[in-house]
Amino acid sequence: MAPLTSANETLNLTITLPKDVAQHLRDQVAKGRYASESEYIQSILQSETLFDPVDQNELTHWIETEGVRRFDAMRADPSSALTEAEAFAGLCNEEEEEE
């Protein structure tokens, strides 16, 4: 995922968060999932901009139709489900194809 701005195009902001949200943010950084609180906030903002409204509607439609069909098939035959590694590898392959 490309950064929203380059390093020399930044702006400092001050935000106010509920204590539990701020603690969650700090916990994510402490666990090493993000290098900084800023990186975590930036990743949330980036994920928000991945889909425009039309794409969100298409995604919702896919989930309600194909997604439900696949979930039901997996429940009927759990051995047909991908392992975590297979799913991750598939996502990585899709990302490489888009580049």
N, C-alpha and C. Protein backbone atom coordinates (compact mmCIF):
# COMPACT_ATOMS: atom_id res chain seq x y z
N MET A 1 0.85 -1.16 0.00
CA MET A 1 0.00 0.00 0.00
C MET A 1 0.90 1.23 0.00
N ALA A 2 0.72 2.12 -0.94
CA ALA A 2 1.54 3.32 -1.04
C ALA A 2 1.15 4.33 0.03
N PRO A 3 2.14 5.06 0.55
CA PRO A 3 1.81 6.08 1.55
C PRO A 3 0.96 7.18 0.95
N LEU A 4 0.17 7.85 1.80
CA LEU A 4 -0.67 8.94 1.34
C LEU A 4 0.17 10.12 0.86
N THR A 5 1.28 10.37 1.52
CA THR A 5 2.15 11.47 1.17
C THR A 5 3.59 11.02 1.24
N SER A 6 4.47 11.77 0.63
CA SER A 6 5.88 11.47 0.79
C SER A 6 6.35 12.07 2.10
N ALA A 7 7.54 11.67 2.55
CA ALA A 7 8.05 12.09 3.86
C ALA A 7 8.17 13.60 3.97
N ASN A 8 8.45 14.28 2.87
CA ASN A 8 8.62 15.73 2.95
C ASN A 8 7.30 16.49 2.79
N GLU A 9 6.19 15.78 2.68
CA GLU A 9 4.88 16.41 2.54
C GLU A 9 3.99 16.05 3.72
N THR A 10 4.48 16.29 4.93
CA THR A 10 3.69 15.92 6.10
C THR A 10 3.17 17.15 6.82
N LEU A 11 2.18 16.93 7.65
CA LEU A 11 1.57 17.99 8.45
C LEU A 11 1.27 17.39 9.81
N ASN A 12 1.70 18.04 10.86
CA ASN A 12 1.40 17.57 12.21
C ASN A 12 -0.02 17.96 12.59
N LEU A 13 -0.75 16.99 13.14
CA LEU A 13 -2.10 17.22 13.62
C LEU A 13 -2.20 16.75 15.07
N THR A 14 -3.07 17.37 15.80
CA THR A 14 -3.38 16.91 17.15
C THR A 14 -4.80 16.39 17.14
N ILE A 15 -4.99 15.17 17.63
CA ILE A 15 -6.33 14.59 17.67
C ILE A 15 -6.67 14.19 19.11
N THR A 16 -7.94 14.15 19.39
CA THR A 16 -8.42 13.74 20.70
C THR A 16 -9.18 12.44 20.53
N LEU A 17 -8.80 11.43 21.31
CA LEU A 17 -9.42 10.11 21.22
C LEU A 17 -9.94 9.69 22.58
N PRO A 18 -10.97 8.88 22.60
CA PRO A 18 -11.39 8.28 23.87
C PRO A 18 -10.24 7.44 24.43
N LYS A 19 -10.17 7.32 25.74
CA LYS A 19 -9.05 6.61 26.37
C LYS A 19 -8.90 5.18 25.85
N ASP A 20 -10.01 4.47 25.68
CA ASP A 20 -9.90 3.08 25.22
C ASP A 20 -9.38 2.99 23.79
N VAL A 21 -9.74 3.93 22.96
CA VAL A 21 -9.25 3.95 21.58
C VAL A 21 -7.76 4.28 21.56
N ALA A 22 -7.37 5.27 22.35
CA ALA A 22 -5.96 5.64 22.44
C ALA A 22 -5.13 4.47 22.96
N GLN A 23 -5.67 3.75 23.95
CA GLN A 23 -4.94 2.60 24.49
C GLN A 23 -4.81 1.50 23.44
N HIS A 24 -5.86 1.26 22.68
CA HIS A 24 -5.80 0.26 21.60
C HIS A 24 -4.71 0.64 20.60
N LEU A 25 -4.68 1.90 20.23
CA LEU A 25 -3.66 2.39 19.29
C LEU A 25 -2.26 2.12 19.85
N ARG A 26 -2.05 2.47 21.10
CA ARG A 26 -0.74 2.25 21.73
C ARG A 26 -0.41 0.77 21.82
N ASP A 27 -1.41 -0.05 22.11
CA ASP A 27 -1.18 -1.49 22.19
C ASP A 27 -0.72 -2.05 20.84
N GLN A 28 -1.32 -1.58 19.76
CA GLN A 28 -0.94 -2.06 18.42
C GLN A 28 0.51 -1.71 18.11
N VAL A 29 0.92 -0.52 18.51
CA VAL A 29 2.31 -0.11 18.31
C VAL A 29 3.24 -0.94 19.20
N ALA A 30 2.84 -1.13 20.45
CA ALA A 30 3.66 -1.90 21.39
C ALA A 30 3.84 -3.35 20.93
N LYS A 31 2.82 -3.90 20.28
CA LYS A 31 2.89 -5.28 19.78
C LYS A 31 3.74 -5.37 18.51
N GLY A 32 4.17 -4.23 17.98
CA GLY A 32 5.00 -4.23 16.78
C GLY A 32 4.23 -4.29 15.49
N ARG A 33 2.93 -4.17 15.55
CA ARG A 33 2.14 -4.20 14.32
C ARG A 33 2.33 -2.94 13.49
N TYR A 34 2.70 -1.86 14.17
CA TYR A 34 2.95 -0.57 13.51
C TYR A 34 4.18 0.05 14.15
N ALA A 35 4.92 0.80 13.35
CA ALA A 35 6.15 1.43 13.85
C ALA A 35 5.85 2.62 14.75
N SER A 36 4.70 3.25 14.54
CA SER A 36 4.36 4.43 15.33
C SER A 36 2.85 4.62 15.34
N GLU A 37 2.40 5.48 16.24
CA GLU A 37 0.98 5.81 16.28
C GLU A 37 0.56 6.47 14.97
N SER A 38 1.42 7.30 14.43
CA SER A 38 1.12 7.96 13.15
C SER A 38 0.94 6.95 12.03
N GLU A 39 1.79 5.93 12.00
CA GLU A 39 1.69 4.91 10.95
C GLU A 39 0.36 4.16 11.07
N TYR A 40 -0.07 3.89 12.29
CA TYR A 40 -1.34 3.19 12.50
C TYR A 40 -2.51 4.04 11.99
N ILE A 41 -2.55 5.29 12.36
CA ILE A 41 -3.61 6.19 11.90
C ILE A 41 -3.58 6.31 10.38
N GLN A 42 -2.38 6.43 9.81
CA GLN A 42 -2.27 6.55 8.36
C GLN A 42 -2.79 5.30 7.68
N SER A 43 -2.52 4.11 8.25
CA SER A 43 -3.00 2.88 7.61
C SER A 43 -4.52 2.82 7.62
N ILE A 44 -5.14 3.32 8.69
CA ILE A 44 -6.61 3.35 8.75
C ILE A 44 -7.15 4.29 7.67
N LEU A 45 -6.54 5.45 7.54
CA LEU A 45 -7.01 6.41 6.53
C LEU A 45 -6.81 5.85 5.13
N GLN A 46 -5.70 5.16 4.90
CA GLN A 46 -5.48 4.56 3.59
C GLN A 46 -6.51 3.50 3.29
N SER A 47 -6.81 2.65 4.27
CA SER A 47 -7.79 1.59 4.02
C SER A 47 -9.17 2.16 3.74
N GLU A 48 -9.47 3.30 4.32
CA GLU A 48 -10.76 3.96 4.09
C GLU A 48 -10.88 4.44 2.64
N THR A 49 -9.76 4.78 2.03
CA THR A 49 -9.79 5.31 0.68
C THR A 49 -9.58 4.25 -0.40
N LEU A 50 -9.48 2.98 -0.02
CA LEU A 50 -9.25 1.93 -1.01
C LEU A 50 -10.45 1.71 -1.92
N PHE A 51 -11.65 1.94 -1.42
CA PHE A 51 -12.85 1.69 -2.21
C PHE A 51 -13.64 2.97 -2.36
N ASP A 52 -14.01 3.29 -3.59
CA ASP A 52 -14.93 4.41 -3.76
C ASP A 52 -16.34 3.88 -3.55
N PRO A 53 -17.36 4.74 -3.46
CA PRO A 53 -18.72 4.25 -3.16
C PRO A 53 -19.23 3.17 -4.10
N VAL A 54 -18.89 3.25 -5.38
CA VAL A 54 -19.34 2.22 -6.32
C VAL A 54 -18.70 0.89 -5.96
N ASP A 55 -17.40 0.90 -5.68
CA ASP A 55 -16.71 -0.34 -5.33
C ASP A 55 -17.26 -0.92 -4.03
N GLN A 56 -17.62 -0.07 -3.07
CA GLN A 56 -18.19 -0.57 -1.83
C GLN A 56 -19.49 -1.30 -2.11
N ASN A 57 -20.30 -0.77 -3.01
CA ASN A 57 -21.55 -1.45 -3.38
C ASN A 57 -21.27 -2.78 -4.06
N GLU A 58 -20.26 -2.81 -4.91
CA GLU A 58 -19.89 -4.05 -5.58
C GLU A 58 -19.38 -5.07 -4.57
N LEU A 59 -18.57 -4.60 -3.62
CA LEU A 59 -18.06 -5.49 -2.59
C LEU A 59 -19.20 -6.04 -1.74
N THR A 60 -20.12 -5.19 -1.35
CA THR A 60 -21.27 -5.64 -0.56
C THR A 60 -22.07 -6.68 -1.35
N HIS A 61 -22.30 -6.43 -2.62
CA HIS A 61 -23.03 -7.39 -3.46
C HIS A 61 -22.29 -8.73 -3.52
N TRP A 62 -20.97 -8.69 -3.70
CA TRP A 62 -20.18 -9.92 -3.77
C TRP A 62 -20.28 -10.69 -2.46
N ILE A 63 -20.16 -9.98 -1.33
CA ILE A 63 -20.24 -10.64 -0.03
C ILE A 63 -21.61 -11.30 0.15
N GLU A 64 -22.67 -10.58 -0.23
CA GLU A 64 -24.02 -11.09 -0.03
C GLU A 64 -24.37 -12.24 -0.98
N THR A 65 -23.67 -12.38 -2.08
CA THR A 65 -23.98 -13.44 -3.04
C THR A 65 -22.86 -14.49 -3.04
N GLU A 66 -21.78 -14.20 -3.71
CA GLU A 66 -20.68 -15.15 -3.84
C GLU A 66 -20.04 -15.48 -2.50
N GLY A 67 -19.85 -14.47 -1.66
CA GLY A 67 -19.24 -14.69 -0.35
C GLY A 67 -20.06 -15.65 0.50
N VAL A 68 -21.37 -15.45 0.51
CA VAL A 68 -22.26 -16.33 1.27
C VAL A 68 -22.23 -17.74 0.68
N ARG A 69 -22.25 -17.84 -0.65
CA ARG A 69 -22.21 -19.16 -1.30
C ARG A 69 -20.94 -19.91 -0.91
N ARG A 70 -19.80 -19.22 -0.95
CA ARG A 70 -18.53 -19.86 -0.60
C ARG A 70 -18.48 -20.24 0.88
N PHE A 71 -19.00 -19.37 1.73
CA PHE A 71 -19.02 -19.67 3.17
C PHE A 71 -19.87 -20.90 3.44
N ASP A 72 -21.04 -20.97 2.82
CA ASP A 72 -21.91 -22.13 3.01
C ASP A 72 -21.24 -23.41 2.52
N ALA A 73 -20.54 -23.33 1.39
CA ALA A 73 -19.82 -24.49 0.86
C ALA A 73 -18.72 -24.94 1.81
N MET A 74 -18.02 -23.98 2.39
CA MET A 74 -16.95 -24.30 3.33
C MET A 74 -17.51 -24.94 4.60
N ARG A 75 -18.65 -24.43 5.07
CA ARG A 75 -19.28 -25.03 6.26
C ARG A 75 -19.73 -26.46 5.96
N ALA A 76 -20.22 -26.69 4.76
CA ALA A 76 -20.68 -28.03 4.39
C ALA A 76 -19.51 -29.00 4.26
N ASP A 77 -18.35 -28.49 3.80
CA ASP A 77 -17.16 -29.33 3.64
C ASP A 77 -15.93 -28.53 4.10
N PRO A 78 -15.64 -28.55 5.41
CA PRO A 78 -14.52 -27.75 5.93
C PRO A 78 -13.18 -28.07 5.29
N SER A 79 -13.02 -29.28 4.75
CA SER A 79 -11.74 -29.62 4.13
C SER A 79 -11.51 -28.82 2.84
N SER A 80 -12.55 -28.20 2.30
CA SER A 80 -12.41 -27.41 1.07
C SER A 80 -11.86 -26.01 1.34
N ALA A 81 -11.78 -25.63 2.61
CA ALA A 81 -11.31 -24.28 2.96
C ALA A 81 -9.81 -24.16 2.75
N LEU A 82 -9.37 -22.96 2.41
CA LEU A 82 -7.94 -22.69 2.29
C LEU A 82 -7.32 -22.60 3.68
N THR A 83 -6.07 -23.00 3.77
CA THR A 83 -5.35 -22.76 5.02
C THR A 83 -5.00 -21.27 5.07
N GLU A 84 -4.59 -20.82 6.24
CA GLU A 84 -4.19 -19.42 6.39
C GLU A 84 -3.05 -19.08 5.42
N ALA A 85 -2.09 -19.96 5.28
CA ALA A 85 -0.95 -19.73 4.40
C ALA A 85 -1.40 -19.65 2.94
N GLU A 86 -2.33 -20.53 2.53
CA GLU A 86 -2.82 -20.50 1.15
C GLU A 86 -3.58 -19.20 0.86
N ALA A 87 -4.40 -18.78 1.81
CA ALA A 87 -5.14 -17.54 1.62
C ALA A 87 -4.19 -16.35 1.52
N PHE A 88 -3.20 -16.29 2.39
CA PHE A 88 -2.24 -15.20 2.38
C PHE A 88 -1.45 -15.20 1.07
N ALA A 89 -1.02 -16.37 0.63
CA ALA A 89 -0.27 -16.46 -0.63
C ALA A 89 -1.12 -15.98 -1.80
N GLY A 90 -2.40 -16.32 -1.79
CA GLY A 90 -3.30 -15.86 -2.84
C GLY A 90 -3.45 -14.35 -2.85
N LEU A 91 -3.54 -13.75 -1.68
CA LEU A 91 -3.63 -12.30 -1.60
C LEU A 91 -2.35 -11.65 -2.10
N CYS A 92 -1.22 -12.21 -1.74
CA CYS A 92 0.06 -11.65 -2.19
C CYS A 92 0.17 -11.74 -3.71
N ASN A 93 -0.27 -12.85 -4.29
CA ASN A 93 -0.23 -13.02 -5.75
C ASN A 93 -1.13 -12.00 -6.44
N GLU A 94 -2.32 -11.75 -5.89
CA GLU A 94 -3.23 -10.76 -6.47
C GLU A 94 -2.60 -9.37 -6.43
N GLU A 95 -1.94 -9.04 -5.33
CA GLU A 95 -1.32 -7.72 -5.19
C GLU A 95 -0.20 -7.56 -6.21
N GLU A 96 0.60 -8.63 -6.42
CA GLU A 96 1.68 -8.56 -7.40
C GLU A 96 1.14 -8.38 -8.81
N GLU A 97 0.03 -9.03 -9.14
CA GLU A 97 -0.58 -8.92 -10.46
C GLU A 97 -1.08 -7.52 -10.73
N GLU A 98 -1.53 -6.80 -9.68
CA GLU A 98 -2.04 -5.44 -9.84
C GLU A 98 -0.93 -4.44 -10.12
N GLU A 99 0.29 -4.74 -9.68
CA GLU A 99 1.41 -3.80 -9.85
C GLU A 99 1.92 -3.78 -11.23
